[in-house]
Amino acid sequence: MAPQRIGDRDRGDTTISPRAVERVAEIAAAANGDVTSARGRLGDEQVDISVRVRNPRTAASTVCDVQHRVAESMTKHGLPTLPVNVTLTG
């Protein structure tokens, strides 16, 4: 995906690289205590995040929490609102 342009200002635009968006998603996912690792990937119309979890018994709630945290973090940082797909790995 091409770099994102945010805002239309008199002094220029802010350009956000895809890796920066992926990093925002990774940090948000890692904020969940059950996540042991997270890897983000920005697609054309979505953010994909792969996570490993400590406790398989809480995996479903962890996936929901990660999805919420990533979406909230994207909004907080003024990034485009995109669907968040969470995949369990390992």
N, C-alpha and C. Protein backbone atom coordinates (compact mmCIF):
# COMPACT_ATOMS: atom_id res chain seq x y z
N MET A 1 0.84 -1.17 0.00
CA MET A 1 0.00 0.00 0.00
C MET A 1 0.88 1.24 0.00
N ALA A 2 0.45 2.24 -0.70
CA ALA A 2 1.21 3.49 -0.80
C ALA A 2 1.13 4.25 0.52
N PRO A 3 2.09 5.15 0.74
CA PRO A 3 2.03 5.98 1.96
C PRO A 3 0.70 6.74 2.03
N GLN A 4 0.21 6.91 3.24
CA GLN A 4 -1.05 7.61 3.48
C GLN A 4 -0.78 9.10 3.65
N ARG A 5 -1.59 9.93 3.03
CA ARG A 5 -1.53 11.37 3.24
C ARG A 5 -2.67 11.74 4.18
N ILE A 6 -2.30 12.48 5.22
CA ILE A 6 -3.29 12.88 6.21
C ILE A 6 -3.33 14.40 6.25
N GLY A 7 -4.51 14.93 6.13
CA GLY A 7 -4.70 16.37 6.26
C GLY A 7 -4.39 17.12 4.98
N ASP A 8 -4.96 18.29 4.90
CA ASP A 8 -4.72 19.19 3.78
C ASP A 8 -4.45 20.54 4.41
N ARG A 9 -3.20 20.81 4.67
CA ARG A 9 -2.83 22.01 5.40
C ARG A 9 -2.15 23.01 4.48
N ASP A 10 -2.19 24.25 4.90
CA ASP A 10 -1.54 25.32 4.12
C ASP A 10 -0.04 25.08 3.97
N ARG A 11 0.56 24.46 4.96
CA ARG A 11 2.01 24.26 4.95
C ARG A 11 2.42 22.87 4.47
N GLY A 12 1.47 22.08 4.00
CA GLY A 12 1.81 20.77 3.48
C GLY A 12 0.98 19.66 4.10
N ASP A 13 1.27 18.46 3.68
CA ASP A 13 0.57 17.27 4.15
C ASP A 13 1.49 16.45 5.03
N THR A 14 0.89 15.60 5.82
CA THR A 14 1.64 14.62 6.60
C THR A 14 1.52 13.29 5.88
N THR A 15 2.65 12.65 5.60
CA THR A 15 2.65 11.36 4.93
C THR A 15 3.05 10.28 5.93
N ILE A 16 2.24 9.24 6.01
CA ILE A 16 2.47 8.13 6.93
C ILE A 16 2.83 6.89 6.12
N SER A 17 3.98 6.29 6.41
CA SER A 17 4.39 5.09 5.67
C SER A 17 3.58 3.88 6.14
N PRO A 18 3.41 2.89 5.28
CA PRO A 18 2.69 1.67 5.69
C PRO A 18 3.29 1.03 6.94
N ARG A 19 4.62 1.03 7.06
CA ARG A 19 5.26 0.41 8.22
C ARG A 19 4.88 1.11 9.51
N ALA A 20 4.69 2.42 9.45
CA ALA A 20 4.28 3.16 10.65
C ALA A 20 2.88 2.71 11.10
N VAL A 21 1.99 2.51 10.16
CA VAL A 21 0.64 2.04 10.49
C VAL A 21 0.72 0.63 11.08
N GLU A 22 1.54 -0.21 10.49
CA GLU A 22 1.72 -1.58 11.00
C GLU A 22 2.27 -1.55 12.42
N ARG A 23 3.18 -0.65 12.69
CA ARG A 23 3.79 -0.56 14.02
C ARG A 23 2.77 -0.10 15.05
N VAL A 24 1.91 0.84 14.67
CA VAL A 24 0.83 1.26 15.58
C VAL A 24 -0.02 0.06 15.96
N ALA A 25 -0.36 -0.78 14.98
CA ALA A 25 -1.17 -1.97 15.23
C ALA A 25 -0.43 -2.95 16.14
N GLU A 26 0.86 -3.16 15.91
CA GLU A 26 1.64 -4.09 16.72
C GLU A 26 1.72 -3.64 18.17
N ILE A 27 1.97 -2.37 18.38
CA ILE A 27 2.07 -1.85 19.75
C ILE A 27 0.73 -1.96 20.47
N ALA A 28 -0.35 -1.64 19.77
CA ALA A 28 -1.68 -1.75 20.38
C ALA A 28 -1.99 -3.19 20.75
N ALA A 29 -1.67 -4.13 19.87
CA ALA A 29 -1.92 -5.55 20.15
C ALA A 29 -1.09 -6.04 21.33
N ALA A 30 0.16 -5.63 21.37
CA ALA A 30 1.07 -6.08 22.43
C ALA A 30 0.68 -5.52 23.80
N ALA A 31 -0.17 -4.51 23.83
CA ALA A 31 -0.63 -3.95 25.10
C ALA A 31 -1.54 -4.91 25.85
N ASN A 32 -2.06 -5.92 25.17
CA ASN A 32 -2.85 -6.96 25.84
C ASN A 32 -1.87 -7.92 26.51
N GLY A 33 -2.05 -8.16 27.79
CA GLY A 33 -1.13 -8.99 28.56
C GLY A 33 -1.02 -10.43 28.11
N ASP A 34 -2.02 -10.94 27.39
CA ASP A 34 -1.98 -12.32 26.91
C ASP A 34 -1.27 -12.48 25.58
N VAL A 35 -0.92 -11.36 24.94
CA VAL A 35 -0.22 -11.41 23.65
C VAL A 35 1.28 -11.51 23.89
N THR A 36 1.90 -12.54 23.32
CA THR A 36 3.35 -12.70 23.47
C THR A 36 4.12 -12.12 22.29
N SER A 37 3.49 -12.03 21.13
CA SER A 37 4.11 -11.38 19.97
C SER A 37 3.01 -10.93 19.01
N ALA A 38 3.33 -9.89 18.25
CA ALA A 38 2.35 -9.36 17.30
C ALA A 38 3.09 -8.87 16.06
N ARG A 39 2.49 -9.11 14.91
CA ARG A 39 3.06 -8.67 13.64
C ARG A 39 1.95 -8.11 12.77
N GLY A 40 2.07 -6.85 12.38
CA GLY A 40 1.05 -6.19 11.59
C GLY A 40 1.40 -6.14 10.12
N ARG A 41 0.37 -6.08 9.30
CA ARG A 41 0.54 -5.95 7.85
C ARG A 41 -0.60 -5.09 7.33
N LEU A 42 -0.26 -4.01 6.65
CA LEU A 42 -1.26 -3.13 6.08
C LEU A 42 -1.60 -3.58 4.68
N GLY A 43 -2.87 -3.92 4.46
CA GLY A 43 -3.33 -4.30 3.14
C GLY A 43 -3.94 -3.10 2.43
N ASP A 44 -4.56 -3.34 1.29
CA ASP A 44 -5.17 -2.25 0.54
C ASP A 44 -6.37 -1.66 1.27
N GLU A 45 -7.14 -2.51 1.93
CA GLU A 45 -8.36 -2.03 2.57
C GLU A 45 -8.54 -2.57 3.98
N GLN A 46 -7.45 -3.04 4.61
CA GLN A 46 -7.56 -3.59 5.95
C GLN A 46 -6.18 -3.62 6.63
N VAL A 47 -6.22 -3.83 7.94
CA VAL A 47 -5.01 -4.07 8.72
C VAL A 47 -5.09 -5.51 9.20
N ASP A 48 -4.07 -6.30 8.88
CA ASP A 48 -4.00 -7.68 9.35
C ASP A 48 -2.98 -7.73 10.48
N ILE A 49 -3.35 -8.36 11.59
CA ILE A 49 -2.43 -8.49 12.71
C ILE A 49 -2.41 -9.95 13.15
N SER A 50 -1.21 -10.51 13.20
CA SER A 50 -1.02 -11.90 13.65
C SER A 50 -0.48 -11.85 15.06
N VAL A 51 -1.09 -12.62 15.96
CA VAL A 51 -0.67 -12.61 17.36
C VAL A 51 -0.48 -14.03 17.89
N ARG A 52 0.44 -14.13 18.82
CA ARG A 52 0.60 -15.35 19.62
C ARG A 52 0.10 -15.03 21.01
N VAL A 53 -0.55 -16.01 21.64
CA VAL A 53 -1.12 -15.77 22.96
C VAL A 53 -0.54 -16.74 23.99
N ARG A 54 -0.54 -16.29 25.25
CA ARG A 54 -0.04 -17.12 26.35
C ARG A 54 -1.01 -18.24 26.71
N ASN A 55 -2.28 -17.90 26.75
CA ASN A 55 -3.27 -18.83 27.28
C ASN A 55 -4.31 -19.15 26.20
N PRO A 56 -4.30 -20.38 25.68
CA PRO A 56 -5.27 -20.74 24.65
C PRO A 56 -6.72 -20.66 25.12
N ARG A 57 -6.95 -20.79 26.41
CA ARG A 57 -8.32 -20.75 26.94
C ARG A 57 -8.96 -19.37 26.81
N THR A 58 -8.13 -18.35 26.77
CA THR A 58 -8.66 -16.99 26.65
C THR A 58 -8.43 -16.41 25.26
N ALA A 59 -8.11 -17.26 24.30
CA ALA A 59 -7.77 -16.78 22.96
C ALA A 59 -8.91 -15.99 22.31
N ALA A 60 -10.13 -16.44 22.46
CA ALA A 60 -11.25 -15.75 21.82
C ALA A 60 -11.40 -14.33 22.34
N SER A 61 -11.35 -14.17 23.66
CA SER A 61 -11.48 -12.82 24.22
C SER A 61 -10.26 -11.97 23.90
N THR A 62 -9.10 -12.60 23.81
CA THR A 62 -7.88 -11.87 23.45
C THR A 62 -7.98 -11.33 22.03
N VAL A 63 -8.47 -12.15 21.11
CA VAL A 63 -8.63 -11.71 19.72
C VAL A 63 -9.57 -10.51 19.64
N CYS A 64 -10.69 -10.57 20.35
CA CYS A 64 -11.65 -9.45 20.35
C CYS A 64 -11.02 -8.19 20.94
N ASP A 65 -10.28 -8.35 22.02
CA ASP A 65 -9.63 -7.21 22.66
C ASP A 65 -8.58 -6.60 21.74
N VAL A 66 -7.78 -7.43 21.09
CA VAL A 66 -6.75 -6.93 20.17
C VAL A 66 -7.40 -6.16 19.03
N GLN A 67 -8.46 -6.69 18.49
CA GLN A 67 -9.17 -6.01 17.39
C GLN A 67 -9.63 -4.63 17.85
N HIS A 68 -10.20 -4.56 19.03
CA HIS A 68 -10.67 -3.29 19.58
C HIS A 68 -9.51 -2.32 19.84
N ARG A 69 -8.44 -2.82 20.45
CA ARG A 69 -7.28 -1.97 20.76
C ARG A 69 -6.65 -1.39 19.49
N VAL A 70 -6.52 -2.20 18.46
CA VAL A 70 -5.90 -1.73 17.22
C VAL A 70 -6.78 -0.66 16.58
N ALA A 71 -8.07 -0.92 16.47
CA ALA A 71 -8.98 0.07 15.87
C ALA A 71 -8.97 1.37 16.66
N GLU A 72 -8.99 1.27 17.98
CA GLU A 72 -8.97 2.46 18.84
C GLU A 72 -7.67 3.24 18.67
N SER A 73 -6.57 2.54 18.59
CA SER A 73 -5.27 3.19 18.43
C SER A 73 -5.15 3.90 17.08
N MET A 74 -5.69 3.28 16.04
CA MET A 74 -5.67 3.91 14.72
C MET A 74 -6.44 5.24 14.77
N THR A 75 -7.60 5.22 15.40
CA THR A 75 -8.41 6.43 15.53
C THR A 75 -7.68 7.48 16.36
N LYS A 76 -7.12 7.04 17.48
CA LYS A 76 -6.41 7.95 18.38
C LYS A 76 -5.28 8.70 17.66
N HIS A 77 -4.62 8.02 16.74
CA HIS A 77 -3.49 8.62 16.03
C HIS A 77 -3.89 9.30 14.72
N GLY A 78 -5.19 9.39 14.48
CA GLY A 78 -5.67 10.07 13.29
C GLY A 78 -5.44 9.32 11.99
N LEU A 79 -5.31 8.01 12.09
CA LEU A 79 -5.10 7.18 10.91
C LEU A 79 -6.45 6.76 10.33
N PRO A 80 -6.45 6.35 9.07
CA PRO A 80 -7.72 5.95 8.45
C PRO A 80 -8.38 4.79 9.20
N THR A 81 -9.70 4.81 9.24
CA THR A 81 -10.45 3.73 9.86
C THR A 81 -10.53 2.58 8.86
N LEU A 82 -9.91 1.46 9.23
CA LEU A 82 -9.89 0.28 8.37
C LEU A 82 -10.34 -0.93 9.16
N PRO A 83 -10.89 -1.94 8.51
CA PRO A 83 -11.19 -3.19 9.21
C PRO A 83 -9.90 -3.80 9.77
N VAL A 84 -10.00 -4.43 10.93
CA VAL A 84 -8.85 -5.07 11.57
C VAL A 84 -9.11 -6.57 11.61
N ASN A 85 -8.25 -7.33 10.96
CA ASN A 85 -8.34 -8.80 10.96
C ASN A 85 -7.26 -9.35 11.86
N VAL A 86 -7.66 -10.13 12.86
CA VAL A 86 -6.71 -10.72 13.80
C VAL A 86 -6.62 -12.21 13.55
N THR A 87 -5.39 -12.70 13.46
CA THR A 87 -5.12 -14.13 13.23
C THR A 87 -4.25 -14.65 14.36
N LEU A 88 -4.62 -15.80 14.92
CA LEU A 88 -3.78 -16.46 15.93
C LEU A 88 -2.70 -17.26 15.20
N THR A 89 -1.48 -17.14 15.67
CA THR A 89 -0.37 -17.91 15.08
C THR A 89 0.27 -18.74 16.19
N GLY A 90 1.02 -19.76 15.77
CA GLY A 90 1.76 -20.58 16.73
C GLY A 90 0.91 -21.48 17.44
